[in-house]
């Protein structure tokens, strides 16, 4: 139970990483008219989980969990970021996570990218990787559903339907990440990566990414 409660705290919207400020490029595709409702949002998030940055984050988290030191994994995470905004997002959230984990739990981590920080902290706290991965991915898509609800007339019930529909993909991606080596890190959701790049010049906007 203590593992679950710790993970729930780390990945809660109340944990001070500022996740609410990031749309992961979704604000751009909403402006473009690509994501317009629950169905198109679900398709977009499904691609991120199965083929894109969601899957990549899960692989990075698992690699950090299995590493004696996170330096190489963190360097890989930074090099793998597809745009300046993607790097900012993982860098700033990761640094904030490290600061709080250090001050509250005494975990000696600092300045790591977000999935690497969570993976390293989970290892330090002996939290099973099989528990950390799906909850991390669920928090990832939950934040994006919340961001969409601030940018579109997407109701609370529709948002919950999207999350429920994504549960099998979250579980499958988490299982796959546990056995995927860092050398096999890939991402093929090119439209999402390009959207993140284009968001850098979007005006007006309400999200940092």
N, C-alpha and C. Protein backbone atom coordinates (compact mmCIF):
# COMPACT_ATOMS: atom_id res chain seq x y z
N UNK A 1 0.82 -1.20 0.00
CA UNK A 1 0.00 0.00 0.00
C UNK A 1 0.86 1.26 0.00
N UNK A 2 1.98 1.24 0.74
CA UNK A 2 2.83 2.43 0.82
C UNK A 2 3.40 2.79 -0.54
N UNK A 3 3.74 1.77 -1.36
CA UNK A 3 4.24 2.03 -2.71
C UNK A 3 3.18 2.76 -3.53
N UNK A 4 1.96 2.26 -3.48
CA UNK A 4 0.89 2.87 -4.27
C UNK A 4 0.65 4.30 -3.84
N UNK A 5 0.65 4.54 -2.54
CA UNK A 5 0.40 5.89 -2.04
C UNK A 5 1.52 6.85 -2.45
N UNK A 6 2.76 6.38 -2.40
CA UNK A 6 3.88 7.23 -2.81
C UNK A 6 3.78 7.56 -4.28
N UNK A 7 3.51 6.57 -5.11
CA UNK A 7 3.37 6.82 -6.55
C UNK A 7 2.21 7.76 -6.84
N UNK A 8 1.10 7.56 -6.14
CA UNK A 8 -0.05 8.45 -6.34
C UNK A 8 0.31 9.89 -5.98
N UNK A 9 1.11 10.07 -4.95
CA UNK A 9 1.52 11.41 -4.57
C UNK A 9 2.46 12.01 -5.62
N UNK A 10 3.46 11.23 -6.04
CA UNK A 10 4.42 11.72 -7.03
C UNK A 10 3.74 12.14 -8.33
N UNK A 11 2.73 11.38 -8.75
CA UNK A 11 2.13 11.57 -10.06
C UNK A 11 0.78 12.29 -10.01
N UNK A 12 0.46 12.81 -8.84
CA UNK A 12 -0.77 13.58 -8.66
C UNK A 12 -0.63 14.97 -9.28
N UNK A 13 -1.75 15.55 -9.74
CA UNK A 13 -1.70 16.94 -10.23
C UNK A 13 -1.23 17.93 -9.16
N UNK A 14 -1.29 17.53 -7.87
CA UNK A 14 -0.85 18.44 -6.81
C UNK A 14 0.65 18.42 -6.61
N UNK A 15 1.35 17.44 -7.19
CA UNK A 15 2.81 17.38 -7.03
C UNK A 15 3.42 18.53 -7.84
N UNK A 16 4.30 19.31 -7.24
CA UNK A 16 4.71 20.58 -7.86
C UNK A 16 5.74 20.46 -8.99
N UNK A 17 5.33 19.82 -10.09
CA UNK A 17 6.19 19.82 -11.27
C UNK A 17 5.66 20.77 -12.35
N UNK A 18 4.50 21.37 -12.10
CA UNK A 18 3.95 22.32 -13.06
C UNK A 18 3.38 21.69 -14.31
N UNK A 19 2.95 20.42 -14.23
CA UNK A 19 2.46 19.71 -15.42
C UNK A 19 1.31 20.44 -16.10
N UNK A 20 0.50 21.16 -15.32
CA UNK A 20 -0.66 21.87 -15.87
C UNK A 20 -0.27 22.90 -16.92
N UNK A 21 0.98 23.33 -16.93
CA UNK A 21 1.42 24.38 -17.85
C UNK A 21 1.85 23.85 -19.21
N UNK A 22 1.84 22.53 -19.37
CA UNK A 22 2.36 21.92 -20.60
C UNK A 22 1.27 21.15 -21.34
N UNK A 23 1.18 21.34 -22.65
CA UNK A 23 0.22 20.59 -23.46
C UNK A 23 0.90 19.58 -24.37
N UNK A 24 2.23 19.56 -24.39
CA UNK A 24 2.96 18.56 -25.18
C UNK A 24 2.65 18.69 -26.67
N UNK A 25 2.41 19.92 -27.11
CA UNK A 25 2.10 20.18 -28.51
C UNK A 25 0.62 20.08 -28.85
N UNK A 26 -0.21 19.64 -27.91
CA UNK A 26 -1.64 19.50 -28.19
C UNK A 26 -2.30 20.84 -28.51
N UNK A 27 -1.83 21.90 -27.86
CA UNK A 27 -2.43 23.20 -28.15
C UNK A 27 -2.30 23.56 -29.62
N UNK A 28 -1.20 23.16 -30.23
CA UNK A 28 -0.99 23.44 -31.65
C UNK A 28 -1.97 22.66 -32.52
N UNK A 29 -2.16 21.37 -32.25
CA UNK A 29 -3.05 20.58 -33.10
C UNK A 29 -4.52 20.92 -32.85
N UNK A 30 -4.82 21.43 -31.68
CA UNK A 30 -6.16 21.95 -31.44
C UNK A 30 -6.38 23.22 -32.28
N UNK A 31 -5.38 24.08 -32.30
CA UNK A 31 -5.47 25.29 -33.13
C UNK A 31 -5.56 24.94 -34.61
N UNK A 32 -4.90 23.86 -35.01
CA UNK A 32 -4.93 23.43 -36.42
C UNK A 32 -6.24 22.76 -36.80
N UNK A 33 -7.03 22.34 -35.81
CA UNK A 33 -8.26 21.62 -36.09
C UNK A 33 -8.05 20.13 -36.27
N UNK A 34 -6.91 19.61 -35.85
CA UNK A 34 -6.64 18.18 -35.95
C UNK A 34 -7.30 17.42 -34.82
N UNK A 35 -7.21 17.96 -33.60
CA UNK A 35 -7.90 17.40 -32.45
C UNK A 35 -9.08 18.32 -32.14
N UNK A 36 -10.29 17.76 -32.27
CA UNK A 36 -11.49 18.58 -32.13
C UNK A 36 -12.51 18.02 -31.13
N UNK A 37 -12.34 16.75 -30.75
CA UNK A 37 -13.33 16.12 -29.89
C UNK A 37 -12.70 14.91 -29.19
N UNK A 38 -13.53 14.15 -28.46
CA UNK A 38 -13.02 13.02 -27.70
C UNK A 38 -12.39 11.96 -28.60
N UNK A 39 -13.01 11.71 -29.75
CA UNK A 39 -12.51 10.66 -30.64
C UNK A 39 -11.13 11.01 -31.20
N UNK A 40 -10.96 12.23 -31.67
CA UNK A 40 -9.66 12.61 -32.23
C UNK A 40 -8.60 12.75 -31.14
N UNK A 41 -9.02 13.16 -29.95
CA UNK A 41 -8.08 13.21 -28.83
C UNK A 41 -7.59 11.81 -28.47
N UNK A 42 -8.51 10.87 -28.41
CA UNK A 42 -8.12 9.49 -28.09
C UNK A 42 -7.14 8.94 -29.12
N UNK A 43 -7.40 9.19 -30.39
CA UNK A 43 -6.49 8.73 -31.44
C UNK A 43 -5.10 9.34 -31.26
N UNK A 44 -5.07 10.64 -30.94
CA UNK A 44 -3.79 11.33 -30.78
C UNK A 44 -2.99 10.75 -29.61
N UNK A 45 -3.67 10.56 -28.48
CA UNK A 45 -2.99 10.04 -27.29
C UNK A 45 -2.59 8.58 -27.48
N UNK A 46 -3.39 7.83 -28.19
CA UNK A 46 -3.07 6.42 -28.49
C UNK A 46 -1.75 6.35 -29.24
N UNK A 47 -1.56 7.24 -30.22
CA UNK A 47 -0.32 7.26 -31.00
C UNK A 47 0.87 7.63 -30.13
N UNK A 48 0.69 8.60 -29.24
CA UNK A 48 1.78 8.98 -28.34
C UNK A 48 2.19 7.81 -27.44
N UNK A 49 1.21 7.07 -26.95
CA UNK A 49 1.50 5.95 -26.05
C UNK A 49 2.14 4.77 -26.77
N UNK A 50 1.62 4.44 -27.92
CA UNK A 50 2.07 3.24 -28.62
C UNK A 50 3.31 3.45 -29.45
N UNK A 51 3.49 4.67 -29.98
CA UNK A 51 4.56 4.88 -30.95
C UNK A 51 5.43 6.10 -30.70
N UNK A 52 5.04 6.97 -29.75
CA UNK A 52 5.71 8.25 -29.63
C UNK A 52 6.36 8.52 -28.30
N UNK A 53 6.20 9.76 -27.84
CA UNK A 53 6.92 10.21 -26.66
C UNK A 53 6.46 9.53 -25.38
N UNK A 54 5.20 9.09 -25.32
CA UNK A 54 4.75 8.35 -24.15
C UNK A 54 5.51 7.05 -24.01
N UNK A 55 5.61 6.32 -25.10
CA UNK A 55 6.38 5.07 -25.10
C UNK A 55 7.85 5.35 -24.79
N UNK A 56 8.42 6.39 -25.40
CA UNK A 56 9.83 6.71 -25.17
C UNK A 56 10.08 7.03 -23.70
N UNK A 57 9.18 7.79 -23.08
CA UNK A 57 9.33 8.10 -21.66
C UNK A 57 9.31 6.84 -20.82
N UNK A 58 8.44 5.89 -21.17
CA UNK A 58 8.36 4.64 -20.42
C UNK A 58 9.67 3.85 -20.53
N UNK A 59 10.25 3.81 -21.72
CA UNK A 59 11.53 3.11 -21.91
C UNK A 59 12.64 3.80 -21.12
N UNK A 60 12.64 5.13 -21.13
CA UNK A 60 13.65 5.89 -20.38
C UNK A 60 13.49 5.67 -18.87
N UNK A 61 12.25 5.66 -18.40
CA UNK A 61 12.00 5.42 -16.98
C UNK A 61 12.51 4.04 -16.57
N UNK A 62 12.22 3.05 -17.39
CA UNK A 62 12.67 1.68 -17.09
C UNK A 62 14.19 1.57 -17.13
N UNK A 63 14.81 2.26 -18.08
CA UNK A 63 16.26 2.23 -18.17
C UNK A 63 16.90 2.89 -16.95
N UNK A 64 16.32 4.00 -16.51
CA UNK A 64 16.84 4.68 -15.31
C UNK A 64 16.67 3.79 -14.09
N UNK A 65 15.56 3.09 -14.01
CA UNK A 65 15.30 2.19 -12.88
C UNK A 65 16.35 1.09 -12.82
N UNK A 66 16.80 0.62 -13.97
CA UNK A 66 17.77 -0.48 -14.00
C UNK A 66 19.22 -0.05 -13.99
N UNK A 67 19.47 1.26 -13.98
CA UNK A 67 20.84 1.77 -14.05
C UNK A 67 21.41 2.05 -12.67
N UNK A 68 22.70 1.76 -12.48
CA UNK A 68 23.35 2.08 -11.20
C UNK A 68 23.46 3.58 -11.01
N UNK A 69 23.70 4.31 -12.10
CA UNK A 69 23.69 5.77 -12.07
C UNK A 69 22.88 6.24 -13.28
N UNK A 70 22.14 7.34 -13.14
CA UNK A 70 21.23 7.75 -14.22
C UNK A 70 21.87 8.64 -15.29
N UNK A 71 23.16 8.94 -15.19
CA UNK A 71 23.76 9.95 -16.07
C UNK A 71 23.61 9.61 -17.55
N UNK A 72 23.92 8.38 -17.93
CA UNK A 72 23.86 8.01 -19.35
C UNK A 72 22.42 8.04 -19.86
N UNK A 73 21.51 7.54 -19.04
CA UNK A 73 20.10 7.54 -19.44
C UNK A 73 19.59 8.97 -19.58
N UNK A 74 19.99 9.83 -18.67
CA UNK A 74 19.55 11.22 -18.73
C UNK A 74 20.10 11.92 -19.97
N UNK A 75 21.36 11.66 -20.29
CA UNK A 75 21.94 12.24 -21.50
C UNK A 75 21.21 11.76 -22.74
N UNK A 76 20.82 10.50 -22.74
CA UNK A 76 20.05 9.95 -23.86
C UNK A 76 18.69 10.63 -23.97
N UNK A 77 18.03 10.83 -22.84
CA UNK A 77 16.73 11.49 -22.83
C UNK A 77 16.82 12.90 -23.41
N UNK A 78 17.86 13.61 -23.06
CA UNK A 78 18.03 14.97 -23.57
C UNK A 78 18.31 14.97 -25.07
N UNK A 79 19.15 14.05 -25.50
CA UNK A 79 19.47 13.96 -26.93
C UNK A 79 18.27 13.53 -27.76
N UNK A 80 17.37 12.75 -27.14
CA UNK A 80 16.22 12.21 -27.85
C UNK A 80 15.07 13.20 -27.97
N UNK A 81 15.09 14.26 -27.18
CA UNK A 81 14.02 15.27 -27.24
C UNK A 81 13.94 15.84 -28.66
N UNK A 82 12.74 15.82 -29.23
CA UNK A 82 12.58 16.15 -30.65
C UNK A 82 12.55 17.65 -30.93
N UNK A 83 12.42 18.48 -29.90
CA UNK A 83 12.34 19.92 -30.11
C UNK A 83 12.76 20.65 -28.85
N UNK A 84 12.95 21.96 -28.98
CA UNK A 84 13.34 22.77 -27.82
C UNK A 84 12.27 22.72 -26.73
N UNK A 85 11.00 22.74 -27.14
CA UNK A 85 9.92 22.71 -26.15
C UNK A 85 9.84 21.35 -25.46
N UNK A 86 10.04 20.27 -26.20
CA UNK A 86 10.04 18.95 -25.58
C UNK A 86 11.17 18.85 -24.55
N UNK A 87 12.33 19.39 -24.88
CA UNK A 87 13.45 19.36 -23.94
C UNK A 87 13.13 20.21 -22.71
N UNK A 88 12.55 21.40 -22.92
CA UNK A 88 12.17 22.27 -21.80
C UNK A 88 11.18 21.55 -20.88
N UNK A 89 10.21 20.89 -21.48
CA UNK A 89 9.17 20.22 -20.72
C UNK A 89 9.75 19.14 -19.80
N UNK A 90 10.59 18.28 -20.37
CA UNK A 90 11.14 17.18 -19.56
C UNK A 90 12.21 17.68 -18.60
N UNK A 91 12.94 18.72 -18.98
CA UNK A 91 13.99 19.26 -18.12
C UNK A 91 13.40 19.97 -16.91
N UNK A 92 12.45 20.87 -17.12
CA UNK A 92 11.90 21.65 -16.01
C UNK A 92 11.05 20.79 -15.07
N UNK A 93 10.24 19.90 -15.64
CA UNK A 93 9.45 19.04 -14.77
C UNK A 93 10.33 18.08 -14.00
N UNK A 94 11.37 17.58 -14.65
CA UNK A 94 12.29 16.68 -13.98
C UNK A 94 13.04 17.36 -12.85
N UNK A 95 13.50 18.58 -13.10
CA UNK A 95 14.22 19.32 -12.06
C UNK A 95 13.32 19.59 -10.86
N UNK A 96 12.05 19.94 -11.13
CA UNK A 96 11.10 20.19 -10.05
C UNK A 96 10.81 18.92 -9.27
N UNK A 97 10.67 17.80 -9.98
CA UNK A 97 10.45 16.52 -9.30
C UNK A 97 11.64 16.19 -8.40
N UNK A 98 12.84 16.36 -8.91
CA UNK A 98 14.04 16.08 -8.13
C UNK A 98 14.09 16.92 -6.86
N UNK A 99 13.79 18.20 -6.99
CA UNK A 99 13.84 19.10 -5.83
C UNK A 99 12.89 18.64 -4.73
N UNK A 100 11.67 18.28 -5.12
CA UNK A 100 10.69 17.87 -4.11
C UNK A 100 11.03 16.50 -3.53
N UNK A 101 11.45 15.58 -4.38
CA UNK A 101 11.83 14.24 -3.89
C UNK A 101 13.00 14.32 -2.93
N UNK A 102 13.91 15.22 -3.18
CA UNK A 102 15.07 15.39 -2.30
C UNK A 102 14.66 16.00 -0.96
N UNK A 103 13.79 17.00 -1.00
CA UNK A 103 13.40 17.71 0.22
C UNK A 103 12.44 16.89 1.09
N UNK A 104 11.57 16.10 0.46
CA UNK A 104 10.55 15.36 1.22
C UNK A 104 11.02 13.97 1.60
N UNK A 105 11.64 13.25 0.65
CA UNK A 105 12.02 11.86 0.90
C UNK A 105 13.53 11.66 1.08
N UNK A 106 14.31 12.71 0.90
CA UNK A 106 15.76 12.59 1.05
C UNK A 106 16.43 11.82 -0.07
N UNK A 107 15.79 11.76 -1.24
CA UNK A 107 16.36 11.05 -2.39
C UNK A 107 17.38 11.98 -3.06
N UNK A 108 18.63 11.54 -3.13
CA UNK A 108 19.70 12.40 -3.63
C UNK A 108 19.74 12.40 -5.16
N UNK A 109 18.82 13.14 -5.76
CA UNK A 109 18.79 13.32 -7.20
C UNK A 109 18.63 14.80 -7.48
N UNK A 110 19.19 15.23 -8.59
CA UNK A 110 19.06 16.64 -8.96
C UNK A 110 19.24 16.78 -10.47
N UNK A 111 18.46 17.67 -11.07
CA UNK A 111 18.64 18.06 -12.46
C UNK A 111 18.44 16.97 -13.49
N UNK A 112 17.59 15.98 -13.22
CA UNK A 112 17.34 14.92 -14.19
C UNK A 112 16.09 15.23 -15.00
N UNK A 113 16.02 14.69 -16.20
CA UNK A 113 14.80 14.78 -16.99
C UNK A 113 13.69 14.00 -16.28
N UNK A 114 12.45 14.31 -16.62
CA UNK A 114 11.32 13.83 -15.83
C UNK A 114 11.23 12.30 -15.72
N UNK A 115 11.19 11.53 -16.83
CA UNK A 115 11.07 10.08 -16.66
C UNK A 115 12.28 9.47 -15.97
N UNK A 116 13.44 10.03 -16.19
CA UNK A 116 14.65 9.52 -15.55
C UNK A 116 14.60 9.78 -14.05
N UNK A 117 14.11 10.95 -13.67
CA UNK A 117 13.97 11.28 -12.26
C UNK A 117 13.00 10.32 -11.57
N UNK A 118 11.85 10.06 -12.20
CA UNK A 118 10.86 9.17 -11.60
C UNK A 118 11.41 7.75 -11.50
N UNK A 119 12.07 7.29 -12.55
CA UNK A 119 12.64 5.95 -12.52
C UNK A 119 13.71 5.79 -11.46
N UNK A 120 14.57 6.79 -11.33
CA UNK A 120 15.63 6.74 -10.32
C UNK A 120 15.05 6.78 -8.91
N UNK A 121 14.05 7.63 -8.72
CA UNK A 121 13.41 7.73 -7.40
C UNK A 121 12.70 6.43 -7.04
N UNK A 122 12.03 5.81 -8.00
CA UNK A 122 11.33 4.55 -7.75
C UNK A 122 12.32 3.46 -7.35
N UNK A 123 13.45 3.41 -8.02
CA UNK A 123 14.48 2.42 -7.65
C UNK A 123 14.97 2.68 -6.23
N UNK A 124 15.24 3.94 -5.91
CA UNK A 124 15.74 4.29 -4.58
C UNK A 124 14.76 3.89 -3.49
N UNK A 125 13.47 4.04 -3.77
CA UNK A 125 12.43 3.73 -2.79
C UNK A 125 11.95 2.28 -2.86
N UNK A 126 12.60 1.47 -3.70
CA UNK A 126 12.21 0.06 -3.87
C UNK A 126 10.76 -0.10 -4.32
N UNK A 127 10.30 0.82 -5.12
CA UNK A 127 8.95 0.73 -5.70
C UNK A 127 9.05 -0.13 -6.96
N UNK A 128 8.26 -1.18 -7.09
CA UNK A 128 8.36 -2.06 -8.26
C UNK A 128 8.16 -1.30 -9.57
N UNK A 129 9.01 -1.59 -10.53
CA UNK A 129 8.90 -0.95 -11.84
C UNK A 129 7.55 -1.22 -12.47
N UNK A 130 7.02 -2.42 -12.28
CA UNK A 130 5.73 -2.79 -12.87
C UNK A 130 4.59 -1.95 -12.33
N UNK A 131 4.77 -1.34 -11.15
CA UNK A 131 3.76 -0.43 -10.61
C UNK A 131 4.00 1.00 -11.09
N UNK A 132 5.25 1.39 -11.18
CA UNK A 132 5.57 2.77 -11.53
C UNK A 132 5.23 3.11 -12.98
N UNK A 133 5.49 2.19 -13.89
CA UNK A 133 5.32 2.49 -15.31
C UNK A 133 3.88 2.82 -15.71
N UNK A 134 2.90 1.97 -15.40
CA UNK A 134 1.55 2.32 -15.84
C UNK A 134 1.00 3.56 -15.17
N UNK A 135 1.37 3.81 -13.92
CA UNK A 135 0.88 5.01 -13.26
C UNK A 135 1.52 6.27 -13.86
N UNK A 136 2.79 6.18 -14.24
CA UNK A 136 3.44 7.31 -14.91
C UNK A 136 2.73 7.61 -16.23
N UNK A 137 2.45 6.58 -17.01
CA UNK A 137 1.79 6.78 -18.30
C UNK A 137 0.37 7.29 -18.13
N UNK A 138 -0.31 6.80 -17.10
CA UNK A 138 -1.66 7.29 -16.84
C UNK A 138 -1.64 8.78 -16.48
N UNK A 139 -0.66 9.19 -15.67
CA UNK A 139 -0.53 10.61 -15.33
C UNK A 139 -0.21 11.45 -16.56
N UNK A 140 0.61 10.90 -17.44
CA UNK A 140 0.98 11.58 -18.69
C UNK A 140 -0.26 11.91 -19.52
N UNK A 141 -1.09 10.89 -19.78
CA UNK A 141 -2.27 11.15 -20.61
C UNK A 141 -3.36 11.90 -19.85
N UNK A 142 -3.44 11.71 -18.54
CA UNK A 142 -4.42 12.46 -17.75
C UNK A 142 -4.16 13.95 -17.85
N UNK A 143 -2.90 14.33 -17.78
CA UNK A 143 -2.56 15.75 -17.89
C UNK A 143 -2.93 16.30 -19.26
N UNK A 144 -2.75 15.49 -20.30
CA UNK A 144 -3.09 15.96 -21.65
C UNK A 144 -4.60 16.03 -21.86
N UNK A 145 -5.34 15.13 -21.25
CA UNK A 145 -6.80 15.24 -21.29
C UNK A 145 -7.24 16.53 -20.60
N UNK A 146 -6.63 16.81 -19.45
CA UNK A 146 -6.97 18.03 -18.71
C UNK A 146 -6.63 19.27 -19.54
N UNK A 147 -5.48 19.25 -20.20
CA UNK A 147 -5.10 20.39 -21.05
C UNK A 147 -6.11 20.59 -22.17
N UNK A 148 -6.56 19.49 -22.76
CA UNK A 148 -7.53 19.58 -23.85
C UNK A 148 -8.85 20.16 -23.36
N UNK A 149 -9.23 19.81 -22.15
CA UNK A 149 -10.49 20.32 -21.61
C UNK A 149 -10.44 21.82 -21.35
N UNK A 150 -9.24 22.36 -21.23
CA UNK A 150 -9.12 23.82 -21.09
C UNK A 150 -9.09 24.53 -22.43
N UNK A 151 -8.86 23.77 -23.51
CA UNK A 151 -8.76 24.39 -24.83
C UNK A 151 -9.91 24.05 -25.76
N UNK A 152 -10.70 23.04 -25.39
CA UNK A 152 -11.83 22.61 -26.21
C UNK A 152 -13.07 22.45 -25.32
N UNK A 153 -14.25 22.49 -25.91
CA UNK A 153 -15.45 22.15 -25.14
C UNK A 153 -15.58 20.63 -24.99
N UNK A 154 -14.64 20.04 -24.24
CA UNK A 154 -14.63 18.61 -23.99
C UNK A 154 -15.10 18.39 -22.56
N UNK A 155 -16.21 17.71 -22.39
CA UNK A 155 -16.79 17.55 -21.07
C UNK A 155 -16.03 16.59 -20.18
N UNK A 156 -16.33 16.64 -18.89
CA UNK A 156 -15.66 15.78 -17.92
C UNK A 156 -15.93 14.31 -18.21
N UNK A 157 -17.15 13.97 -18.57
CA UNK A 157 -17.48 12.58 -18.83
C UNK A 157 -16.74 12.07 -20.06
N UNK A 158 -16.68 12.89 -21.11
CA UNK A 158 -15.94 12.48 -22.31
C UNK A 158 -14.46 12.30 -21.99
N UNK A 159 -13.92 13.17 -21.16
CA UNK A 159 -12.52 13.03 -20.77
C UNK A 159 -12.27 11.71 -20.07
N UNK A 160 -13.18 11.32 -19.19
CA UNK A 160 -13.04 10.05 -18.48
C UNK A 160 -13.22 8.86 -19.43
N UNK A 161 -14.08 9.00 -20.41
CA UNK A 161 -14.22 7.94 -21.41
C UNK A 161 -12.92 7.74 -22.18
N UNK A 162 -12.26 8.83 -22.52
CA UNK A 162 -10.98 8.73 -23.23
C UNK A 162 -9.96 8.00 -22.36
N UNK A 163 -9.85 8.39 -21.11
CA UNK A 163 -8.89 7.74 -20.22
C UNK A 163 -9.18 6.26 -20.06
N UNK A 164 -10.45 5.92 -19.90
CA UNK A 164 -10.82 4.51 -19.75
C UNK A 164 -10.47 3.72 -21.01
N UNK A 165 -10.70 4.31 -22.17
CA UNK A 165 -10.41 3.62 -23.42
C UNK A 165 -8.92 3.42 -23.63
N UNK A 166 -8.10 4.30 -23.05
CA UNK A 166 -6.65 4.20 -23.21
C UNK A 166 -6.01 3.21 -22.25
N UNK A 167 -6.76 2.70 -21.28
CA UNK A 167 -6.18 1.82 -20.27
C UNK A 167 -5.46 0.61 -20.86
N UNK A 168 -6.02 -0.10 -21.85
CA UNK A 168 -5.29 -1.24 -22.40
C UNK A 168 -3.96 -0.85 -23.05
N UNK A 169 -3.94 0.29 -23.73
CA UNK A 169 -2.70 0.74 -24.36
C UNK A 169 -1.67 1.14 -23.31
N UNK A 170 -2.13 1.80 -22.25
CA UNK A 170 -1.22 2.13 -21.14
C UNK A 170 -0.60 0.86 -20.58
N UNK A 171 -1.41 -0.15 -20.32
CA UNK A 171 -0.90 -1.40 -19.75
C UNK A 171 0.08 -2.09 -20.71
N UNK A 172 -0.26 -2.13 -22.00
CA UNK A 172 0.61 -2.78 -22.98
C UNK A 172 1.93 -2.04 -23.14
N UNK A 173 1.87 -0.72 -23.17
CA UNK A 173 3.10 0.08 -23.31
C UNK A 173 3.99 -0.10 -22.08
N UNK A 174 3.40 -0.14 -20.91
CA UNK A 174 4.17 -0.34 -19.68
C UNK A 174 4.85 -1.71 -19.69
N UNK A 175 4.13 -2.74 -20.09
CA UNK A 175 4.74 -4.08 -20.15
C UNK A 175 5.88 -4.12 -21.15
N UNK A 176 5.67 -3.50 -22.31
CA UNK A 176 6.69 -3.51 -23.34
C UNK A 176 7.95 -2.75 -22.89
N UNK A 177 7.76 -1.65 -22.17
CA UNK A 177 8.90 -0.84 -21.73
C UNK A 177 9.80 -1.60 -20.77
N UNK A 178 9.23 -2.51 -20.00
CA UNK A 178 10.02 -3.26 -19.04
C UNK A 178 11.07 -4.15 -19.71
N UNK A 179 10.84 -4.53 -20.94
CA UNK A 179 11.75 -5.46 -21.63
C UNK A 179 12.41 -4.82 -22.85
N UNK A 180 12.26 -3.50 -23.01
CA UNK A 180 12.86 -2.80 -24.15
C UNK A 180 14.17 -2.15 -23.72
N UNK A 181 15.31 -2.55 -24.30
CA UNK A 181 16.58 -1.92 -23.91
C UNK A 181 16.67 -0.48 -24.40
N UNK A 182 17.51 0.29 -23.75
CA UNK A 182 17.66 1.70 -24.12
C UNK A 182 18.13 1.85 -25.56
N UNK A 183 18.91 0.91 -26.04
CA UNK A 183 19.40 0.96 -27.43
C UNK A 183 18.27 0.83 -28.44
N UNK A 184 17.11 0.33 -28.00
CA UNK A 184 15.97 0.17 -28.90
C UNK A 184 14.99 1.33 -28.80
N UNK A 185 15.41 2.42 -28.19
CA UNK A 185 14.55 3.59 -28.03
C UNK A 185 14.19 4.17 -29.40
N UNK A 186 12.89 4.31 -29.66
CA UNK A 186 12.43 4.86 -30.93
C UNK A 186 11.19 5.72 -30.70
N UNK A 187 10.85 6.53 -31.71
CA UNK A 187 9.60 7.28 -31.71
C UNK A 187 9.22 7.51 -33.16
N UNK A 188 7.96 7.19 -33.48
CA UNK A 188 7.52 7.36 -34.86
C UNK A 188 6.22 8.16 -34.95
N UNK A 189 5.94 8.96 -33.95
CA UNK A 189 4.76 9.84 -34.01
C UNK A 189 5.22 11.21 -34.51
N UNK A 190 5.55 11.25 -35.77
CA UNK A 190 6.19 12.44 -36.33
C UNK A 190 5.28 13.67 -36.30
N UNK A 191 3.99 13.46 -36.49
CA UNK A 191 3.07 14.61 -36.47
C UNK A 191 3.09 15.29 -35.11
N UNK A 192 3.19 14.50 -34.04
CA UNK A 192 3.23 15.08 -32.70
C UNK A 192 4.54 15.84 -32.48
N UNK A 193 5.63 15.30 -32.98
CA UNK A 193 6.92 15.98 -32.84
C UNK A 193 6.92 17.30 -33.61
N UNK A 194 6.36 17.30 -34.80
CA UNK A 194 6.30 18.52 -35.60
C UNK A 194 5.37 19.54 -34.94
N UNK A 195 4.27 19.07 -34.35
CA UNK A 195 3.36 19.98 -33.65
C UNK A 195 4.07 20.66 -32.49
N UNK A 196 4.91 19.91 -31.78
CA UNK A 196 5.66 20.50 -30.67
C UNK A 196 6.62 21.57 -31.17
N UNK A 197 7.22 21.35 -32.33
CA UNK A 197 8.12 22.34 -32.92
C UNK A 197 7.35 23.60 -33.33
N UNK A 198 6.20 23.40 -33.97
CA UNK A 198 5.41 24.53 -34.46
C UNK A 198 4.81 25.34 -33.31
N UNK A 199 4.58 24.69 -32.18
CA UNK A 199 4.00 25.39 -31.04
C UNK A 199 4.92 26.50 -30.53
N UNK A 200 6.21 26.41 -30.82
CA UNK A 200 7.16 27.42 -30.35
C UNK A 200 6.79 28.82 -30.83
N UNK A 201 6.09 28.91 -31.96
CA UNK A 201 5.72 30.23 -32.51
C UNK A 201 4.22 30.47 -32.52
N UNK A 202 3.44 29.59 -31.88
CA UNK A 202 1.99 29.76 -31.86
C UNK A 202 1.60 30.99 -31.03
N UNK A 203 0.76 31.83 -31.60
CA UNK A 203 0.23 32.98 -30.88
C UNK A 203 -1.24 33.17 -31.23
N UNK A 204 -2.09 33.45 -30.25
CA UNK A 204 -1.81 33.42 -28.82
C UNK A 204 -1.77 31.99 -28.30
N UNK A 205 -1.27 31.80 -27.11
CA UNK A 205 -1.25 30.47 -26.52
C UNK A 205 -1.33 30.58 -25.02
N UNK A 206 -1.76 29.48 -24.38
CA UNK A 206 -1.88 29.48 -22.92
C UNK A 206 -0.92 28.48 -22.26
N UNK A 207 -0.35 27.58 -23.05
CA UNK A 207 0.56 26.56 -22.50
C UNK A 207 2.00 26.85 -22.89
N UNK A 208 2.91 26.39 -22.05
CA UNK A 208 4.34 26.60 -22.32
C UNK A 208 4.83 25.73 -23.47
N UNK A 209 4.18 24.58 -23.68
CA UNK A 209 4.56 23.69 -24.78
C UNK A 209 3.30 23.16 -25.45
